[in-house]
N, C-alpha and C. Protein backbone atom coordinates (compact mmCIF):
# COMPACT_ATOMS: atom_id res chain seq x y z
N MET A 1 0.98 -1.54 0.33
CA MET A 1 0.10 -0.20 -0.17
C MET A 1 0.88 1.28 -0.28
N SER A 2 0.68 2.29 -0.35
CA SER A 2 1.27 3.66 -1.13
C SER A 2 0.68 4.98 0.06
N VAL A 3 1.87 5.36 1.37
CA VAL A 3 1.17 5.53 2.31
C VAL A 3 0.93 6.75 1.54
N SER A 4 1.60 6.99 0.07
CA SER A 4 0.80 8.93 -0.61
C SER A 4 -0.36 8.77 -0.92
N ALA A 5 -0.49 7.23 -1.27
CA ALA A 5 -2.00 7.27 -2.19
C ALA A 5 -3.04 7.50 -0.28
N THR A 6 -2.69 6.82 0.66
CA THR A 6 -3.33 6.84 1.81
C THR A 6 -3.71 8.40 2.37
N ASN A 7 -2.86 9.04 2.02
CA ASN A 7 -2.55 10.72 2.87
C ASN A 7 -3.51 11.37 1.47
N ARG A 8 -3.64 10.66 0.28
CA ARG A 8 -3.96 11.73 -0.51
C ARG A 8 -5.55 11.25 -0.21
N ALA A 9 -5.65 10.00 -0.07
CA ALA A 9 -7.66 8.99 0.53
C ALA A 9 -8.66 10.69 1.49
N VAL A 10 -7.12 10.98 2.15
CA VAL A 10 -7.48 11.52 4.00
C VAL A 10 -7.39 12.84 3.56
N ASN A 11 -7.04 13.39 3.01
CA ASN A 11 -6.93 14.67 2.56
C ASN A 11 -8.43 14.73 1.32
N GLU A 12 -8.61 14.49 0.71
CA GLU A 12 -9.66 14.92 -0.08
C GLU A 12 -10.88 14.16 0.30
N LEU A 13 -11.21 14.09 0.82
CA LEU A 13 -11.78 12.84 1.58
C LEU A 13 -12.55 14.63 2.92
N ARG A 14 -11.25 14.64 3.46
CA ARG A 14 -11.50 15.41 4.50
C ARG A 14 -12.37 16.61 3.61
N GLU A 15 -11.94 17.00 2.51
CA GLU A 15 -12.09 17.80 1.54
C GLU A 15 -13.55 18.00 1.51
N LEU A 16 -14.30 16.89 1.51
CA LEU A 16 -15.46 16.67 0.00
C LEU A 16 -16.17 16.56 1.04
N ILE A 17 -15.97 16.33 2.56
CA ILE A 17 -16.22 16.15 4.04
C ILE A 17 -16.92 17.92 4.22
N PHE A 18 -15.79 18.46 4.53
CA PHE A 18 -15.97 19.90 5.22
C PHE A 18 -16.41 20.97 4.01
N SER A 19 -16.57 20.93 2.60
CA SER A 19 -17.63 21.13 1.95
C SER A 19 -18.77 20.72 1.60
N ALA A 20 -19.32 19.36 2.61
CA ALA A 20 -20.81 19.42 2.70
C ALA A 20 -21.23 18.43 0.74
N THR A 21 -19.51 17.62 -0.02
CA THR A 21 -19.88 17.32 -0.77
C THR A 21 -20.33 15.35 -0.31
N LEU A 22 -20.05 15.18 0.48
CA LEU A 22 -20.82 14.61 0.72
C LEU A 22 -21.10 15.02 2.59
N PRO A 23 -22.48 14.85 2.31
CA PRO A 23 -23.14 16.18 3.98
C PRO A 23 -23.52 14.75 4.97
N PRO A 24 -23.75 15.37 5.82
CA PRO A 24 -23.52 14.58 7.80
C PRO A 24 -25.10 13.61 6.88
N GLY A 25 -24.68 12.26 7.41
CA GLY A 25 -25.55 11.48 7.55
C GLY A 25 -25.73 11.11 6.92
N SER A 26 -25.28 10.37 5.29
CA SER A 26 -25.51 9.86 4.36
C SER A 26 -23.70 8.94 4.64
N ASP A 27 -24.62 8.14 4.15
CA ASP A 27 -23.75 6.39 3.91
C ASP A 27 -22.56 6.36 2.11
N HIS A 28 -21.71 5.42 2.66
CA HIS A 28 -20.99 5.73 1.50
C HIS A 28 -19.94 4.65 1.62
N LEU A 29 -19.77 3.45 0.43
CA LEU A 29 -19.07 2.10 0.58
C LEU A 29 -18.13 2.59 -0.24
N GLU A 30 -16.98 1.81 0.59
CA GLU A 30 -15.67 2.07 0.18
C GLU A 30 -15.10 1.90 -1.53
N ALA A 31 -16.08 1.04 -2.10
CA ALA A 31 -15.68 0.94 -3.06
C ALA A 31 -16.38 2.42 -4.24
N GLU A 32 -17.10 3.43 -3.49
CA GLU A 32 -18.00 4.67 -4.37
C GLU A 32 -16.78 4.70 -4.29
N LEU A 33 -16.08 5.18 -2.81
CA LEU A 33 -14.91 6.23 -2.57
C LEU A 33 -13.82 6.21 -3.44
N ALA A 34 -13.12 5.32 -3.64
CA ALA A 34 -12.37 4.69 -4.24
C ALA A 34 -12.56 5.04 -5.76
N ALA A 35 -13.81 4.71 -6.19
CA ALA A 35 -14.05 5.00 -7.61
C ALA A 35 -14.05 6.88 -7.07
N ARG A 36 -14.66 7.42 -7.14
CA ARG A 36 -14.84 8.50 -6.49
C ARG A 36 -13.33 9.42 -6.80
N LEU A 37 -12.47 8.80 -6.50
CA LEU A 37 -11.22 9.00 -5.94
C LEU A 37 -9.85 9.00 -6.82
N GLY A 38 -10.60 7.40 -7.44
CA GLY A 38 -9.85 7.70 -8.27
C GLY A 38 -8.04 6.27 -7.63
N LEU A 39 -8.69 5.70 -6.62
CA LEU A 39 -7.74 5.34 -5.78
C LEU A 39 -8.16 3.65 -5.70
N SER A 40 -7.69 2.95 -5.17
CA SER A 40 -8.26 0.99 -4.86
C SER A 40 -8.42 0.96 -3.73
N ARG A 41 -9.26 0.15 -3.12
CA ARG A 41 -9.87 0.27 -2.84
C ARG A 41 -8.58 0.57 -0.55
N THR A 42 -7.81 0.05 -0.76
CA THR A 42 -7.49 -0.41 0.22
C THR A 42 -6.68 1.24 1.28
N PRO A 43 -6.50 2.17 0.52
CA PRO A 43 -5.57 3.50 1.05
C PRO A 43 -7.09 4.05 1.39
N VAL A 44 -8.23 3.54 0.12
CA VAL A 44 -9.69 4.20 1.63
C VAL A 44 -9.95 4.04 2.36
N ARG A 45 -9.77 2.20 2.66
CA ARG A 45 -10.02 1.59 3.76
C ARG A 45 -8.96 2.46 4.60
N GLU A 46 -7.71 2.92 4.61
CA GLU A 46 -6.68 3.52 5.79
C GLU A 46 -7.64 4.26 6.63
N ALA A 47 -7.70 5.05 5.38
CA ALA A 47 -8.25 7.05 5.18
C ALA A 47 -9.07 6.60 5.90
N LEU A 48 -10.62 6.04 5.88
CA LEU A 48 -11.06 6.03 6.63
C LEU A 48 -10.90 5.29 7.89
N ALA A 49 -10.80 5.06 8.16
CA ALA A 49 -10.55 4.32 9.65
C ALA A 49 -9.45 5.95 10.75
N ARG A 50 -8.60 6.54 9.57
CA ARG A 50 -8.37 7.92 10.35
C ARG A 50 -9.24 8.35 10.37
N LEU A 51 -10.54 8.92 9.36
CA LEU A 51 -10.99 10.35 9.00
C LEU A 51 -11.85 9.29 10.78
N GLU A 52 -11.80 8.36 11.47
CA GLU A 52 -13.18 7.75 12.13
C GLU A 52 -12.39 7.75 14.07
N ALA A 53 -10.56 8.48 13.14
CA ALA A 53 -10.42 9.28 14.25
C ALA A 53 -10.68 10.03 14.71
N GLN A 54 -10.37 10.87 14.07
CA GLN A 54 -11.12 12.43 13.91
C GLN A 54 -12.35 12.11 14.33
N GLY A 55 -13.01 11.51 14.40
CA GLY A 55 -14.57 11.64 14.54
C GLY A 55 -15.36 13.16 13.56
N LEU A 56 -14.71 12.39 11.76
CA LEU A 56 -15.51 13.02 11.02
C LEU A 56 -16.59 11.64 9.97
N VAL A 57 -16.07 10.64 10.55
CA VAL A 57 -17.17 9.43 10.02
C VAL A 57 -17.29 8.09 10.19
N GLN A 58 -18.13 6.98 10.66
CA GLN A 58 -18.00 5.71 11.76
C GLN A 58 -18.04 5.15 10.30
N ILE A 59 -17.35 4.23 10.31
CA ILE A 59 -17.60 3.24 10.24
C ILE A 59 -18.59 1.89 10.59
N ARG A 60 -19.29 1.29 9.11
CA ARG A 60 -20.08 -0.01 10.12
C ARG A 60 -20.14 -0.77 9.33
N PRO A 61 -19.67 -1.61 9.83
CA PRO A 61 -19.74 -3.58 9.24
C PRO A 61 -20.70 -3.80 7.91
N ARG A 62 -20.04 -3.99 7.27
CA ARG A 62 -20.87 -3.98 5.57
C ARG A 62 -21.32 -3.31 5.56
N ARG A 63 -22.08 -1.36 6.16
CA ARG A 63 -22.58 -1.00 5.18
C ARG A 63 -21.59 0.29 4.74
N GLY A 64 -20.75 0.42 5.25
CA GLY A 64 -20.01 1.57 4.95
C GLY A 64 -19.62 2.59 5.66
N ALA A 65 -19.32 3.64 4.81
CA ALA A 65 -19.42 4.83 6.66
C ALA A 65 -20.13 5.61 6.43
N ARG A 66 -20.24 6.55 7.42
CA ARG A 66 -21.33 7.55 7.16
C ARG A 66 -20.85 8.37 7.90
N ILE A 67 -21.40 9.48 7.17
CA ILE A 67 -19.85 11.02 7.39
C ILE A 67 -21.16 11.00 8.95
N VAL A 68 -20.25 11.38 9.92
CA VAL A 68 -20.87 12.70 11.41
C VAL A 68 -21.73 13.41 10.97
N GLY A 69 -22.64 13.53 11.30
CA GLY A 69 -22.78 15.13 11.73
C GLY A 69 -23.06 16.02 13.30
N LEU A 70 -23.31 16.76 13.84
CA LEU A 70 -22.88 17.72 14.94
C LEU A 70 -23.90 18.90 15.47
N SER A 71 -24.12 17.89 16.16
CA SER A 71 -25.76 18.86 16.61
C SER A 71 -25.23 19.95 17.79
N PRO A 72 -25.82 21.31 18.26
CA PRO A 72 -25.58 22.32 18.98
C PRO A 72 -25.02 21.83 20.31
N THR A 73 -25.43 20.45 20.56
CA THR A 73 -24.98 20.30 22.07
C THR A 73 -23.15 19.37 22.38
N ASP A 74 -23.13 18.91 20.68
CA ASP A 74 -21.46 18.49 20.20
C ASP A 74 -21.01 19.24 20.40
N MET A 75 -21.34 20.77 19.67
CA MET A 75 -20.26 21.63 19.24
C MET A 75 -20.12 22.72 20.43
N SER A 76 -21.28 22.56 20.81
CA SER A 76 -20.88 23.63 22.20
C SER A 76 -19.59 22.56 23.25
N GLU A 77 -19.50 21.22 23.56
CA GLU A 77 -18.53 20.40 23.93
C GLU A 77 -17.05 20.24 23.57
N ILE A 78 -17.43 20.37 21.63
CA ILE A 78 -16.08 20.78 21.37
C ILE A 78 -15.08 21.67 21.46
N TYR A 79 -16.28 22.91 21.18
CA TYR A 79 -15.40 23.81 21.15
C TYR A 79 -14.98 24.66 22.82
N GLU A 80 -15.73 23.52 23.93
CA GLU A 80 -15.50 23.83 25.09
C GLU A 80 -13.52 23.36 25.14
N VAL A 81 -13.63 21.82 24.65
CA VAL A 81 -12.74 21.61 25.22
C VAL A 81 -11.56 21.93 24.08
N LEU A 82 -11.72 22.86 22.32
CA LEU A 82 -10.75 23.48 21.95
C LEU A 82 -9.77 24.61 22.90
N THR A 83 -11.47 25.10 23.44
CA THR A 83 -11.11 26.97 23.76
C THR A 83 -9.55 26.55 25.54
N ALA A 84 -10.42 25.45 26.05
CA ALA A 84 -8.65 25.03 26.92
C ALA A 84 -7.31 25.29 26.08
N LEU A 85 -7.79 24.49 25.11
CA LEU A 85 -6.60 23.72 24.31
C LEU A 85 -5.63 24.83 23.91
N GLU A 86 -6.17 24.90 23.31
CA GLU A 86 -6.06 26.62 22.55
C GLU A 86 -5.76 27.67 23.36
N ALA A 87 -6.09 28.50 24.23
CA ALA A 87 -5.88 28.97 25.52
C ALA A 87 -4.83 28.52 26.54
N THR A 88 -4.67 27.59 26.41
CA THR A 88 -3.10 26.70 27.31
C THR A 88 -1.66 27.78 25.92
N ALA A 89 -1.90 26.86 24.72
CA ALA A 89 -1.63 26.97 23.89
C ALA A 89 -0.30 28.53 23.67
N ALA A 90 -2.28 29.15 23.25
CA ALA A 90 -1.29 30.47 23.27
C ALA A 90 -0.30 31.50 24.34
N ALA A 91 -1.07 30.57 25.35
CA ALA A 91 -0.14 31.67 26.63
C ALA A 91 2.03 30.64 27.28
N ALA A 92 1.23 29.32 26.34
CA ALA A 92 2.36 28.37 26.07
C ALA A 92 3.27 29.35 24.88
N ALA A 93 2.81 29.62 23.94
CA ALA A 93 3.55 30.72 22.78
C ALA A 93 4.44 32.25 23.80
N ALA A 94 3.49 32.62 24.74
CA ALA A 94 4.14 34.26 25.00
C ALA A 94 5.07 33.61 26.10
N ARG A 95 5.08 32.60 27.31
CA ARG A 95 5.91 31.85 27.56
C ARG A 95 7.63 32.17 27.28
N ARG A 96 7.74 31.10 26.00
CA ARG A 96 8.64 31.13 24.54
C ARG A 96 8.90 32.11 24.27
N GLY A 97 8.29 33.07 24.48
CA GLY A 97 9.78 34.53 23.97
C GLY A 97 10.16 33.79 22.71
N LEU A 98 9.19 34.18 22.16
CA LEU A 98 9.14 33.78 20.25
C LEU A 98 9.77 34.88 20.05
N SER A 99 10.65 34.16 18.09
CA SER A 99 12.06 35.06 17.65
C SER A 99 10.20 35.75 16.42
N ALA A 100 11.24 37.07 16.11
CA ALA A 100 10.32 37.84 15.04
C ALA A 100 10.03 36.91 13.93
N ALA A 101 11.73 36.07 13.61
CA ALA A 101 10.70 34.97 12.75
C ALA A 101 9.57 33.76 13.32
N GLU A 102 9.41 33.56 14.08
CA GLU A 102 8.86 32.99 14.65
C GLU A 102 7.50 33.15 14.31
N LEU A 103 7.40 34.59 15.27
CA LEU A 103 5.93 35.43 15.25
C LEU A 103 5.25 35.70 13.44
N VAL A 104 6.30 35.50 12.26
CA VAL A 104 5.14 36.12 11.41
C VAL A 104 4.28 34.98 10.90
N PRO A 105 4.49 33.59 10.59
CA PRO A 105 3.73 33.07 10.10
C PRO A 105 1.72 33.34 11.15
N MET A 106 1.84 33.71 12.62
CA MET A 106 0.24 34.65 12.79
C MET A 106 0.27 36.00 12.04
N ALA A 107 1.47 36.48 11.90
CA ALA A 107 1.26 38.14 10.95
C ALA A 107 1.11 37.69 9.78
N GLN A 108 1.15 37.37 8.98
CA GLN A 108 0.98 36.85 7.79
C GLN A 108 -0.81 36.69 8.11
N ALA A 109 -1.40 35.27 8.37
CA ALA A 109 -2.25 35.40 8.63
C ALA A 109 -3.23 36.44 9.40
N ILE A 110 -2.90 37.60 10.31
CA ILE A 110 -3.79 38.14 10.02
C ILE A 110 -3.40 39.36 9.19
N GLU A 111 -2.97 39.55 8.48
CA GLU A 111 -2.68 40.35 7.83
C GLU A 111 -3.63 39.86 6.00
N ALA A 112 -3.63 38.46 6.10
CA ALA A 112 -4.49 37.91 5.39
C ALA A 112 -6.13 37.99 5.76
N MET A 113 -6.39 38.03 6.91
CA MET A 113 -7.87 37.79 7.42
C MET A 113 -8.13 39.51 7.03
N GLU A 114 -7.51 40.46 6.94
CA GLU A 114 -8.06 42.29 7.29
C GLU A 114 -8.18 42.10 5.93
N ASP A 115 -6.89 41.64 4.77
CA ASP A 115 -6.93 42.17 3.33
C ASP A 115 -8.39 41.15 3.22
N ALA A 116 -9.07 39.67 3.30
CA ALA A 116 -10.46 39.06 3.38
C ALA A 116 -11.96 39.34 4.01
N LEU A 117 -11.19 40.61 4.48
CA LEU A 117 -12.85 41.32 5.28
C LEU A 117 -12.87 42.91 4.06
N GLY A 118 -11.63 43.04 3.89
CA GLY A 118 -12.02 44.64 2.83
C GLY A 118 -12.97 44.22 1.68
N GLU A 119 -12.82 42.94 1.46
CA GLU A 119 -13.20 42.29 0.35
C GLU A 119 -15.23 42.59 0.33
N PRO A 120 -16.02 41.86 0.62
CA PRO A 120 -14.88 40.89 1.85
C PRO A 120 -15.23 39.54 1.03
N ASP A 121 -14.85 38.86 1.15
CA ASP A 121 -14.72 37.56 1.11
C ASP A 121 -14.25 36.76 2.05
N LEU A 122 -15.37 36.20 2.65
CA LEU A 122 -15.60 35.29 4.01
C LEU A 122 -14.73 34.10 3.63
N ALA A 123 -15.15 33.51 2.28
CA ALA A 123 -14.44 31.77 2.65
C ALA A 123 -12.76 32.12 2.28
N ARG A 124 -12.69 33.48 1.51
CA ARG A 124 -10.50 33.74 2.12
C ARG A 124 -10.23 33.53 3.89
N TRP A 125 -11.50 34.33 3.70
CA TRP A 125 -11.32 34.78 5.52
C TRP A 125 -11.22 33.45 6.77
N ALA A 126 -12.13 32.87 6.61
CA ALA A 126 -12.00 31.67 7.18
C ALA A 126 -10.22 31.12 7.18
N VAL A 127 -10.35 30.78 5.46
CA VAL A 127 -9.01 29.57 4.89
C VAL A 127 -7.67 30.28 5.84
N ALA A 128 -7.60 32.17 6.25
CA ALA A 128 -6.99 32.71 6.69
C ALA A 128 -7.20 32.44 8.48
N ASP A 129 -8.38 32.93 8.74
CA ASP A 129 -8.42 32.48 10.12
C ASP A 129 -7.96 30.90 10.82
N ASP A 130 -8.05 29.30 10.04
CA ASP A 130 -7.58 28.34 10.55
C ASP A 130 -6.17 28.74 10.09
N GLN A 131 -5.15 29.52 8.79
CA GLN A 131 -3.81 29.65 9.41
C GLN A 131 -3.65 30.00 10.35
N PHE A 132 -4.28 31.34 11.20
CA PHE A 132 -3.91 32.16 12.28
C PHE A 132 -3.61 31.08 13.45
N HIS A 133 -4.88 30.54 13.67
CA HIS A 133 -5.39 29.13 15.09
C HIS A 133 -4.25 28.05 14.67
N HIS A 134 -3.88 27.41 14.04
CA HIS A 134 -3.09 26.69 13.45
C HIS A 134 -1.64 27.26 13.59
N ALA A 135 -0.63 27.76 13.09
CA ALA A 135 0.49 28.76 13.55
C ALA A 135 -0.53 29.19 15.25
N LEU A 136 -0.96 28.94 15.37
CA LEU A 136 -1.14 29.68 17.20
C LEU A 136 -0.87 29.12 18.31
N VAL A 137 -1.41 27.65 17.64
CA VAL A 137 -0.77 26.52 18.40
C VAL A 137 0.12 25.74 18.35
N ALA A 138 1.02 25.52 16.70
CA ALA A 138 2.27 25.87 16.72
C ALA A 138 3.53 26.39 17.58
N ALA A 139 2.91 27.53 17.90
CA ALA A 139 3.54 28.09 18.52
C ALA A 139 4.23 27.76 20.31
N SER A 140 2.94 27.50 20.12
CA SER A 140 3.22 26.83 21.47
C SER A 140 4.58 25.79 21.84
N GLY A 141 4.79 25.33 20.67
CA GLY A 141 6.17 23.56 21.10
C GLY A 141 6.14 23.13 21.55
N ASN A 142 4.90 22.91 21.32
CA ASN A 142 4.10 21.53 22.54
C ASN A 142 3.76 20.81 21.23
N SER A 143 3.78 19.34 21.33
CA SER A 143 3.03 18.54 19.86
C SER A 143 2.39 18.20 20.22
N ARG A 144 2.41 17.69 21.33
CA ARG A 144 1.30 17.13 21.89
C ARG A 144 -0.67 18.20 21.67
N LEU A 145 -0.29 19.47 21.86
CA LEU A 145 -1.27 19.70 22.30
C LEU A 145 -1.57 20.63 20.82
N VAL A 146 -0.67 19.84 19.71
CA VAL A 146 -0.93 20.28 18.51
C VAL A 146 -2.27 19.62 17.94
N GLU A 147 -1.24 18.57 18.27
CA GLU A 147 -1.98 16.91 17.33
C GLU A 147 -3.44 17.01 18.31
N ALA A 148 -3.72 17.18 19.36
CA ALA A 148 -5.29 16.73 20.53
C ALA A 148 -5.67 18.57 19.81
N ALA A 149 -5.25 19.77 19.81
CA ALA A 149 -6.47 20.98 18.92
C ALA A 149 -7.08 21.08 17.10
N GLY A 150 -5.71 19.82 16.68
CA GLY A 150 -6.33 20.22 16.00
C GLY A 150 -7.22 18.86 15.61
N LEU A 151 -7.67 17.91 15.94
CA LEU A 151 -8.55 16.63 15.92
C LEU A 151 -9.80 17.51 16.35
N TYR A 152 -10.20 18.60 17.45
CA TYR A 152 -11.16 19.09 17.63
C TYR A 152 -11.16 20.79 16.60
N ALA A 153 -10.05 21.71 16.42
CA ALA A 153 -9.64 21.95 15.51
C ALA A 153 -10.99 21.88 14.15
N ASP A 154 -10.48 20.68 13.77
CA ASP A 154 -11.65 19.53 12.25
C ASP A 154 -12.58 19.79 12.41
N GLN A 155 -13.66 19.50 13.45
CA GLN A 155 -14.81 19.86 14.27
C GLN A 155 -15.38 20.98 13.55
N VAL A 156 -14.70 21.42 14.43
CA VAL A 156 -15.13 23.08 14.48
C VAL A 156 -15.61 23.67 12.85
N ARG A 157 -13.76 22.85 11.99
CA ARG A 157 -14.40 24.08 10.68
C ARG A 157 -15.17 23.47 10.03
N ARG A 158 -15.92 22.04 10.05
CA ARG A 158 -16.80 21.35 9.02
C ARG A 158 -18.54 22.47 9.29
N ALA A 159 -18.13 22.96 10.62
CA ALA A 159 -19.96 22.95 11.09
C ALA A 159 -19.20 24.86 10.64
N ARG A 160 -18.17 25.13 10.87
CA ARG A 160 -18.37 26.64 10.46
C ARG A 160 -18.55 27.06 9.38
N MET A 161 -18.27 26.37 8.61
CA MET A 161 -18.22 26.46 7.37
C MET A 161 -20.16 26.09 6.17
N MET A 162 -20.28 25.74 7.16
CA MET A 162 -21.77 25.94 6.61
C MET A 162 -23.00 26.68 7.96
N THR A 163 -22.23 27.11 8.55
CA THR A 163 -22.60 28.95 9.18
C THR A 163 -21.99 30.05 8.51
N LEU A 164 -21.15 30.32 7.76
CA LEU A 164 -20.58 30.79 7.84
C LEU A 164 -20.39 32.60 7.02
N ARG A 165 -22.10 32.05 6.22
CA ARG A 165 -22.71 33.15 5.83
C ARG A 165 -23.24 33.29 6.14
N LEU A 166 -23.77 32.83 7.70
CA LEU A 166 -25.32 33.30 8.36
C LEU A 166 -24.90 34.15 9.76
N ARG A 167 -23.66 34.58 9.53
CA ARG A 167 -23.06 35.24 10.28
C ARG A 167 -22.32 36.69 10.46
N PRO A 168 -22.57 36.76 11.30
CA PRO A 168 -22.03 39.19 11.01
C PRO A 168 -20.69 38.62 10.39
N LEU A 169 -20.35 40.11 9.92
CA LEU A 169 -18.47 40.06 9.49
C LEU A 169 -17.80 39.56 10.69
N PRO A 170 -16.82 38.86 10.56
CA PRO A 170 -16.40 39.11 11.80
C PRO A 170 -15.40 40.14 12.26
N GLN A 171 -15.59 40.92 12.37
CA GLN A 171 -14.35 42.64 12.23
C GLN A 171 -14.02 41.55 14.19
N LYS A 172 -14.83 41.27 15.18
CA LYS A 172 -14.24 42.07 16.49
C LYS A 172 -13.54 40.09 16.08
N SER A 173 -13.53 39.40 15.24
CA SER A 173 -12.57 37.86 16.00
C SER A 173 -11.29 38.69 15.49
N ASN A 174 -11.16 39.38 14.50
CA ASN A 174 -10.26 40.28 13.77
C ASN A 174 -9.46 40.89 15.01
N GLU A 175 -10.58 41.48 15.37
CA GLU A 175 -9.50 42.71 16.88
C GLU A 175 -9.16 41.38 18.00
N ASP A 176 -9.83 40.13 18.14
CA ASP A 176 -9.41 39.44 19.38
C ASP A 176 -7.89 38.50 18.30
N HIS A 177 -7.67 38.47 17.09
CA HIS A 177 -6.53 38.35 16.69
C HIS A 177 -5.57 39.17 17.32
N ARG A 178 -6.24 40.03 16.89
CA ARG A 178 -4.14 41.20 16.96
C ARG A 178 -4.15 41.27 18.36
N ALA A 179 -5.64 41.14 19.34
CA ALA A 179 -4.76 41.54 20.91
C ALA A 179 -4.08 40.53 21.07
N VAL A 180 -4.28 39.15 21.29
CA VAL A 180 -3.82 37.63 21.46
C VAL A 180 -2.50 38.23 21.09
N PHE A 181 -2.25 38.46 19.52
CA PHE A 181 -0.66 38.17 19.50
C PHE A 181 0.09 39.61 19.91
N ALA A 182 -0.68 40.70 19.99
CA ALA A 182 -0.73 41.26 20.67
C ALA A 182 0.45 41.01 21.93
N ALA A 183 -0.49 40.70 22.89
CA ALA A 183 0.25 39.52 24.20
C ALA A 183 1.48 38.69 23.93
N ILE A 184 1.07 38.01 23.15
CA ILE A 184 2.84 36.95 22.96
C ILE A 184 3.42 37.60 22.36
N ARG A 185 3.66 38.15 21.66
CA ARG A 185 5.01 38.84 20.86
C ARG A 185 5.50 39.44 22.41
N ALA A 186 4.51 40.25 23.52
CA ALA A 186 5.30 41.28 24.74
C ALA A 186 5.52 40.10 25.50
N GLY A 187 5.20 38.85 25.45
CA GLY A 187 5.82 37.29 26.71
C GLY A 187 4.74 37.98 27.12
N ASP A 188 3.39 38.47 27.15
CA ASP A 188 2.31 38.31 28.76
C ASP A 188 0.94 37.45 28.82
N GLU A 189 1.74 36.20 29.13
CA GLU A 189 1.26 35.15 29.40
C GLU A 189 -0.30 34.56 29.68
N ALA A 190 -0.40 36.03 30.83
CA ALA A 190 -2.21 36.00 31.41
C ALA A 190 -3.29 36.66 30.74
N THR A 191 -2.45 37.78 29.64
CA THR A 191 -3.53 37.99 29.03
C THR A 191 -3.39 37.47 27.36
N ALA A 192 -2.25 36.51 27.21
CA ALA A 192 -2.45 35.96 26.03
C ALA A 192 -3.74 34.49 26.32
N PHE A 193 -3.88 34.00 27.58
CA PHE A 193 -5.00 32.96 27.96
C PHE A 193 -5.90 33.72 28.00
N SER A 194 -5.90 34.83 29.07
CA SER A 194 -7.90 35.42 28.29
C SER A 194 -8.02 35.66 27.58
N VAL A 195 -7.31 36.52 26.41
CA VAL A 195 -8.04 37.10 25.65
C VAL A 195 -8.42 35.97 24.78
N HIS A 196 -7.36 35.40 24.45
CA HIS A 196 -7.96 34.14 23.38
C HIS A 196 -8.88 33.69 23.58
N LYS A 197 -9.62 32.50 24.98
CA LYS A 197 -10.27 31.83 25.87
C LYS A 197 -11.04 33.05 26.11
N ALA A 198 -11.56 34.33 25.77
CA ALA A 198 -13.25 34.80 25.50
C ALA A 198 -13.04 34.91 24.26
N HIS A 199 -12.25 35.19 23.64
CA HIS A 199 -12.25 34.46 21.75
C HIS A 199 -12.75 34.20 21.29
N ARG A 200 -11.95 32.40 21.56
CA ARG A 200 -13.34 31.03 21.35
C ARG A 200 -14.55 30.71 22.20
N GLU A 201 -15.14 31.50 23.26
CA GLU A 201 -16.07 31.61 24.38
C GLU A 201 -16.93 32.20 23.10
N ARG A 202 -16.40 33.26 23.01
CA ARG A 202 -17.87 34.22 22.32
C ARG A 202 -18.37 33.11 21.01
N ALA A 203 -16.81 32.81 20.14
CA ALA A 203 -16.91 32.37 18.68
C ALA A 203 -18.51 30.82 19.26
N ARG A 204 -18.30 30.62 20.35
CA ARG A 204 -18.57 29.37 20.09
C ARG A 204 -20.00 29.27 20.90
N ALA A 205 -20.47 30.40 21.35
CA ALA A 205 -21.93 30.98 21.59
C ALA A 205 -22.61 31.17 19.94
N LEU A 206 -21.85 31.96 19.15
CA LEU A 206 -22.58 31.94 18.15
C LEU A 206 -23.11 31.33 16.95
N LEU A 207 -21.66 30.17 17.48
CA LEU A 207 -22.32 28.94 16.20
C LEU A 207 -22.84 27.92 16.65
N THR A 208 -23.35 28.03 18.38
CA THR A 208 -23.79 27.15 18.73
C THR A 208 -25.41 27.36 17.94
N GLU A 209 -25.09 28.96 19.05
CA GLU A 209 -26.67 30.04 18.41
C GLU A 209 -27.66 30.01 17.20
N LEU A 210 -26.22 29.42 15.73
CA LEU A 210 -26.70 29.47 14.55
C LEU A 210 -27.15 28.17 13.96
N LEU A 211 -26.70 27.12 14.17
CA LEU A 211 -26.84 26.26 15.00
C LEU A 211 -28.01 25.20 14.82
N ALA A 212 -28.30 25.79 15.71
CA ALA A 212 -30.18 25.73 16.99
C ALA A 212 -30.86 26.78 15.55
N GLU A 213 -30.85 27.85 15.61
CA GLU A 213 -32.21 28.57 15.24
C GLU A 213 -32.09 27.51 14.16
N TYR A 214 -31.36 27.49 13.02
CA TYR A 214 -31.07 27.26 11.10
C TYR A 214 -31.41 25.27 11.34
N GLN A 215 -31.80 24.97 12.16
CA GLN A 215 -31.31 23.71 12.58
C GLN A 215 -31.49 22.72 11.19
N PHE A 216 -30.44 22.76 10.89
CA PHE A 216 -29.47 22.08 9.56
C PHE A 216 -30.04 20.75 9.57
N PRO A 217 -30.46 19.85 8.64
CA PRO A 217 -31.56 19.31 8.87
C PRO A 217 -30.95 17.43 8.37
N TRP A 218 -29.30 17.65 9.15
CA TRP A 218 -28.08 16.93 9.14
C TRP A 218 -27.56 16.68 10.25
N LEU A 219 -27.62 17.43 11.54
CA LEU A 219 -27.52 17.77 12.91
C LEU A 219 -28.84 16.23 13.40
């Protein structure tokens, strides 16, 4: 089995799930997915096992994989864990005393978010927002934190893409990113933690409210 083929299957299936091309609640056989991706069934089977570990699919014997949906309660619980992980990462990044070069990924993501809102281009903003949060967690220097936060961030990304155009323009989110970046750059551990915690808590309240209000059929 080719590792690259498995990785390709993971990446492509994730994008199909996040874009709702494979909608939550839908069932898919290995053979169907393999044909869609132009791969053999073995890398698709391995990819589905990884995606199940990430909470994106449920493998059901002889019935293939079901794309897992998320309820408002699920999302609230996921955000609670992600908030704790990312706030801890922000504090750790501030504590490390990052160099100018190490701060560049976060700074570039903030600039990209500002540019996207100026258009406005919410899809491009969402990509830059993901890049900021990934860079922030990576700046903690804690590989286990990176792995754990990545798992929950994937779940949040999926629901957020469904509600992206239902929310107000995320000006406050950009302000929060600038504030936590300033705290990390200044080495202010306590402020980095508290600002980022409040940022994620606001996001949790908004997203769960939208999921409940619009009652998506896949919940």
